Amino acid sequence: MKLFLLIGSLNAFLSVALGAFGAHYLKQRIPDKIDVFQTGVQYHMIHAIALILIALLSDKLANSSMVNASGWAIFIGIILFSGSLYALSLTGLKFFGPITPLGGLSFLVGWILLAVAAYK
C-alpha cells in the first residue's frame, strides 16, 4: 500500500499548489468561476488524505483487495471530479460538466468499498 501513500501525498501536494494558484492568480482572472475551482481543490485534498489513510489502514483490514479497490476508486474520483471542475473553471467548456458526477460516483464507490472492508 506504499503506492497509495505515494499517490495520496502527491495529490495532497498538488491540491495545496492548486489552491494557492487559485487564491493568488485565478481569483482576479475568473472571479465568476473561482468557487467551482475551490470546490475541486477542497474535494481533492479530502480525498488525498483519504488515500493516505487507506495506505495506513490497509494492513489493519483483512480484505486488502477491497481496500485496494477503494483506493483506486477514490483516486479515479479525484481525477474525474476535481479534474473536471478545474477544467470547467479554467476553460468554460460545458463538456466537462457531465464528467463531475462520475467522479462523485467514484468517490461514493470508494467510500462504500472501504466501509465494507472495515465491516468484514
C-alpha atoms as a PDB file:
ATOM      1  CA  MET A   1       0.000   0.000   0.000  1.00  0.00           C
ATOM      2  CA  LYS A   2       3.014   2.268  -0.284  1.00  0.00           C
ATOM      3  CA  LEU A   3       1.590   3.187  -3.667  1.00  0.00           C
ATOM      4  CA  PHE A   4      -1.486   4.805  -2.089  1.00  0.00           C
ATOM      5  CA  LEU A   5       0.734   6.648   0.381  1.00  0.00           C
ATOM      6  CA  LEU A   6       2.710   8.000  -2.570  1.00  0.00           C
ATOM      7  CA  ILE A   7      -0.386   8.832  -4.649  1.00  0.00           C
ATOM      8  CA  GLY A   8      -2.114  10.427  -1.647  1.00  0.00           C
ATOM      9  CA  SER A   9       0.919  12.506  -0.715  1.00  0.00           C
ATOM     10  CA  LEU A  10       1.442  13.725  -4.273  1.00  0.00           C
ATOM     11  CA  ASN A  11      -2.240  14.598  -4.577  1.00  0.00           C
ATOM     12  CA  ALA A  12      -2.177  16.484  -1.267  1.00  0.00           C
ATOM     13  CA  PHE A  13       0.815  18.462  -2.584  1.00  0.00           C
ATOM     14  CA  LEU A  14      -0.997  19.117  -5.856  1.00  0.00           C
ATOM     15  CA  SER A  15      -4.126  20.220  -4.011  1.00  0.00           C
ATOM     16  CA  VAL A  16      -2.179  22.762  -1.946  1.00  0.00           C
ATOM     17  CA  ALA A  17      -0.379  24.036  -5.047  1.00  0.00           C
ATOM     18  CA  LEU A  18      -3.631  24.369  -6.994  1.00  0.00           C
ATOM     19  CA  GLY A  19      -5.330  26.039  -4.038  1.00  0.00           C
ATOM     20  CA  ALA A  20      -2.547  28.635  -3.866  1.00  0.00           C
ATOM     21  CA  PHE A  21      -2.704  29.084  -7.640  1.00  0.00           C
ATOM     22  CA  GLY A  22      -6.446  29.686  -7.404  1.00  0.00           C
ATOM     23  CA  ALA A  23      -6.205  32.070  -4.461  1.00  0.00           C
ATOM     24  CA  HIS A  24      -3.326  34.154  -5.795  1.00  0.00           C
ATOM     25  CA  TYR A  25      -3.694  34.023  -9.554  1.00  0.00           C
ATOM     26  CA  LEU A  26      -7.137  32.893 -10.634  1.00  0.00           C
ATOM     27  CA  LYS A  27      -9.227  34.878  -8.163  1.00  0.00           C
ATOM     28  CA  GLN A  28      -8.804  38.055 -10.228  1.00  0.00           C
ATOM     29  CA  ARG A  29      -8.942  36.318 -13.603  1.00  0.00           C
ATOM     30  CA  ILE A  30     -12.013  34.106 -13.204  1.00  0.00           C
ATOM     31  CA  PRO A  31     -13.973  35.628 -10.313  1.00  0.00           C
ATOM     32  CA  ASP A  32     -17.230  34.105 -11.554  1.00  0.00           C
ATOM     33  CA  LYS A  33     -15.756  30.569 -11.618  1.00  0.00           C
ATOM     34  CA  ILE A  34     -13.397  30.611  -8.630  1.00  0.00           C
ATOM     35  CA  ASP A  35     -15.979  28.824  -6.452  1.00  0.00           C
ATOM     36  CA  VAL A  36     -16.017  25.902  -8.886  1.00  0.00           C
ATOM     37  CA  PHE A  37     -12.224  25.747  -8.818  1.00  0.00           C
ATOM     38  CA  GLN A  38     -12.150  25.912  -4.994  1.00  0.00           C
ATOM     39  CA  THR A  39     -14.683  23.070  -4.749  1.00  0.00           C
ATOM     40  CA  GLY A  40     -12.316  20.968  -6.846  1.00  0.00           C
ATOM     41  CA  VAL A  41      -9.430  21.829  -4.519  1.00  0.00           C
ATOM     42  CA  GLN A  42     -11.467  21.020  -1.404  1.00  0.00           C
ATOM     43  CA  TYR A  43     -12.556  17.587  -2.618  1.00  0.00           C
ATOM     44  CA  HIS A  44      -9.066  16.961  -3.985  1.00  0.00           C
ATOM     45  CA  MET A  45      -7.493  17.469  -0.542  1.00  0.00           C
ATOM     46  CA  ILE A  46     -10.125  15.500   1.365  1.00  0.00           C
ATOM     47  CA  HIS A  47      -9.658  12.517  -0.899  1.00  0.00           C
ATOM     48  CA  ALA A  48      -5.859  12.823  -0.981  1.00  0.00           C
ATOM     49  CA  ILE A  49      -5.979  12.446   2.802  1.00  0.00           C
ATOM     50  CA  ALA A  50      -8.354   9.502   2.353  1.00  0.00           C
ATOM     51  CA  LEU A  51      -5.756   7.791   0.151  1.00  0.00           C
ATOM     52  CA  ILE A  52      -3.112   8.305   2.833  1.00  0.00           C
ATOM     53  CA  LEU A  53      -5.459   6.828   5.446  1.00  0.00           C
ATOM     54  CA  ILE A  54      -6.206   3.878   3.174  1.00  0.00           C
ATOM     55  CA  ALA A  55      -2.472   3.242   2.891  1.00  0.00           C
ATOM     56  CA  LEU A  56      -2.033   3.411   6.659  1.00  0.00           C
ATOM     57  CA  LEU A  57      -5.084   1.267   7.449  1.00  0.00           C
ATOM     58  CA  SER A  58      -4.583  -1.347   4.755  1.00  0.00           C
ATOM     59  CA  ASP A  59      -2.587  -3.732   6.935  1.00  0.00           C
ATOM     60  CA  LYS A  60      -5.192  -3.492   9.693  1.00  0.00           C
ATOM     61  CA  LEU A  61      -8.104  -4.529   7.461  1.00  0.00           C
ATOM     62  CA  ALA A  62      -8.336  -8.168   6.438  1.00  0.00           C
ATOM     63  CA  ASN A  63      -9.856  -7.656   2.992  1.00  0.00           C
ATOM     64  CA  SER A  64      -6.926  -5.982   1.232  1.00  0.00           C
ATOM     65  CA  SER A  65      -8.349  -6.410  -2.278  1.00  0.00           C
ATOM     66  CA  MET A  66     -11.425  -4.406  -1.308  1.00  0.00           C
ATOM     67  CA  VAL A  67      -9.260  -1.758   0.363  1.00  0.00           C
ATOM     68  CA  ASN A  68      -7.144  -1.660  -2.795  1.00  0.00           C
ATOM     69  CA  ALA A  69     -10.254  -1.220  -4.958  1.00  0.00           C
ATOM     70  CA  SER A  70     -11.412   1.541  -2.604  1.00  0.00           C
ATOM     71  CA  GLY A  71      -8.147   3.406  -3.091  1.00  0.00           C
ATOM     72  CA  TRP A  72      -8.334   3.166  -6.866  1.00  0.00           C
ATOM     73  CA  ALA A  73     -11.965   4.316  -6.903  1.00  0.00           C
ATOM     74  CA  ILE A  74     -11.069   7.348  -4.795  1.00  0.00           C
ATOM     75  CA  PHE A  75      -8.076   8.148  -6.995  1.00  0.00           C
ATOM     76  CA  ILE A  76     -10.253   7.925 -10.110  1.00  0.00           C
ATOM     77  CA  GLY A  77     -12.745  10.166  -8.328  1.00  0.00           C
ATOM     78  CA  ILE A  78     -10.060  12.803  -7.791  1.00  0.00           C
ATOM     79  CA  ILE A  79      -9.195  12.740 -11.475  1.00  0.00           C
ATOM     80  CA  LEU A  80     -12.791  12.869 -12.697  1.00  0.00           C
ATOM     81  CA  PHE A  81     -14.390  15.107 -10.057  1.00  0.00           C
ATOM     82  CA  SER A  82     -11.665  17.612  -9.247  1.00  0.00           C
ATOM     83  CA  GLY A  83     -10.102  17.397 -12.691  1.00  0.00           C
ATOM     84  CA  SER A  84     -13.378  18.201 -14.418  1.00  0.00           C
ATOM     85  CA  LEU A  85     -14.032  21.125 -12.062  1.00  0.00           C
ATOM     86  CA  TYR A  86     -10.546  22.510 -12.748  1.00  0.00           C
ATOM     87  CA  ALA A  87     -11.057  22.130 -16.484  1.00  0.00           C
ATOM     88  CA  LEU A  88     -14.566  23.610 -16.374  1.00  0.00           C
ATOM     89  CA  SER A  89     -13.475  26.665 -14.407  1.00  0.00           C
ATOM     90  CA  LEU A  90     -10.351  27.288 -16.482  1.00  0.00           C
ATOM     91  CA  THR A  91     -11.802  26.698 -19.942  1.00  0.00           C
ATOM     92  CA  GLY A  92     -15.511  27.410 -19.522  1.00  0.00           C
ATOM     93  CA  LEU A  93     -16.244  24.400 -21.730  1.00  0.00           C
ATOM     94  CA  LYS A  94     -19.550  22.864 -20.668  1.00  0.00           C
ATOM     95  CA  PHE A  95     -18.308  19.488 -21.925  1.00  0.00           C
ATOM     96  CA  PHE A  96     -16.576  18.935 -18.572  1.00  0.00           C
ATOM     97  CA  GLY A  97     -19.750  19.414 -16.510  1.00  0.00           C
ATOM     98  CA  PRO A  98     -21.220  15.930 -17.048  1.00  0.00           C
ATOM     99  CA  ILE A  99     -17.914  14.304 -16.031  1.00  0.00           C
ATOM    100  CA  THR A 100     -18.094  15.709 -12.491  1.00  0.00           C
ATOM    101  CA  PRO A 101     -20.923  13.420 -11.276  1.00  0.00           C
ATOM    102  CA  LEU A 102     -18.970  10.390 -12.493  1.00  0.00           C
ATOM    103  CA  GLY A 103     -16.167  11.454 -10.180  1.00  0.00           C
ATOM    104  CA  GLY A 104     -18.635  11.877  -7.338  1.00  0.00           C
ATOM    105  CA  LEU A 105     -19.971   8.398  -8.003  1.00  0.00           C
ATOM    106  CA  SER A 106     -16.430   7.057  -7.942  1.00  0.00           C
ATOM    107  CA  PHE A 107     -15.892   8.721  -4.543  1.00  0.00           C
ATOM    108  CA  LEU A 108     -19.076   7.076  -3.239  1.00  0.00           C
ATOM    109  CA  VAL A 109     -17.963   3.667  -4.521  1.00  0.00           C
ATOM    110  CA  GLY A 110     -14.582   4.118  -2.863  1.00  0.00           C
ATOM    111  CA  TRP A 111     -16.108   5.013   0.493  1.00  0.00           C
ATOM    112  CA  ILE A 112     -18.595   2.124   0.359  1.00  0.00           C
ATOM    113  CA  LEU A 113     -15.831  -0.342  -0.523  1.00  0.00           C
ATOM    114  CA  LEU A 114     -13.794   0.907   2.427  1.00  0.00           C
ATOM    115  CA  ALA A 115     -16.793   0.584   4.736  1.00  0.00           C
ATOM    116  CA  VAL A 116     -17.455  -2.985   3.568  1.00  0.00           C
ATOM    117  CA  ALA A 117     -13.780  -3.877   4.023  1.00  0.00           C
ATOM    118  CA  ALA A 118     -13.882  -2.476   7.560  1.00  0.00           C
ATOM    119  CA  TYR A 119     -17.079  -4.376   8.325  1.00  0.00           C
ATOM    120  CA  LYS A 120     -15.661  -7.704   7.160  1.00  0.00           C
END
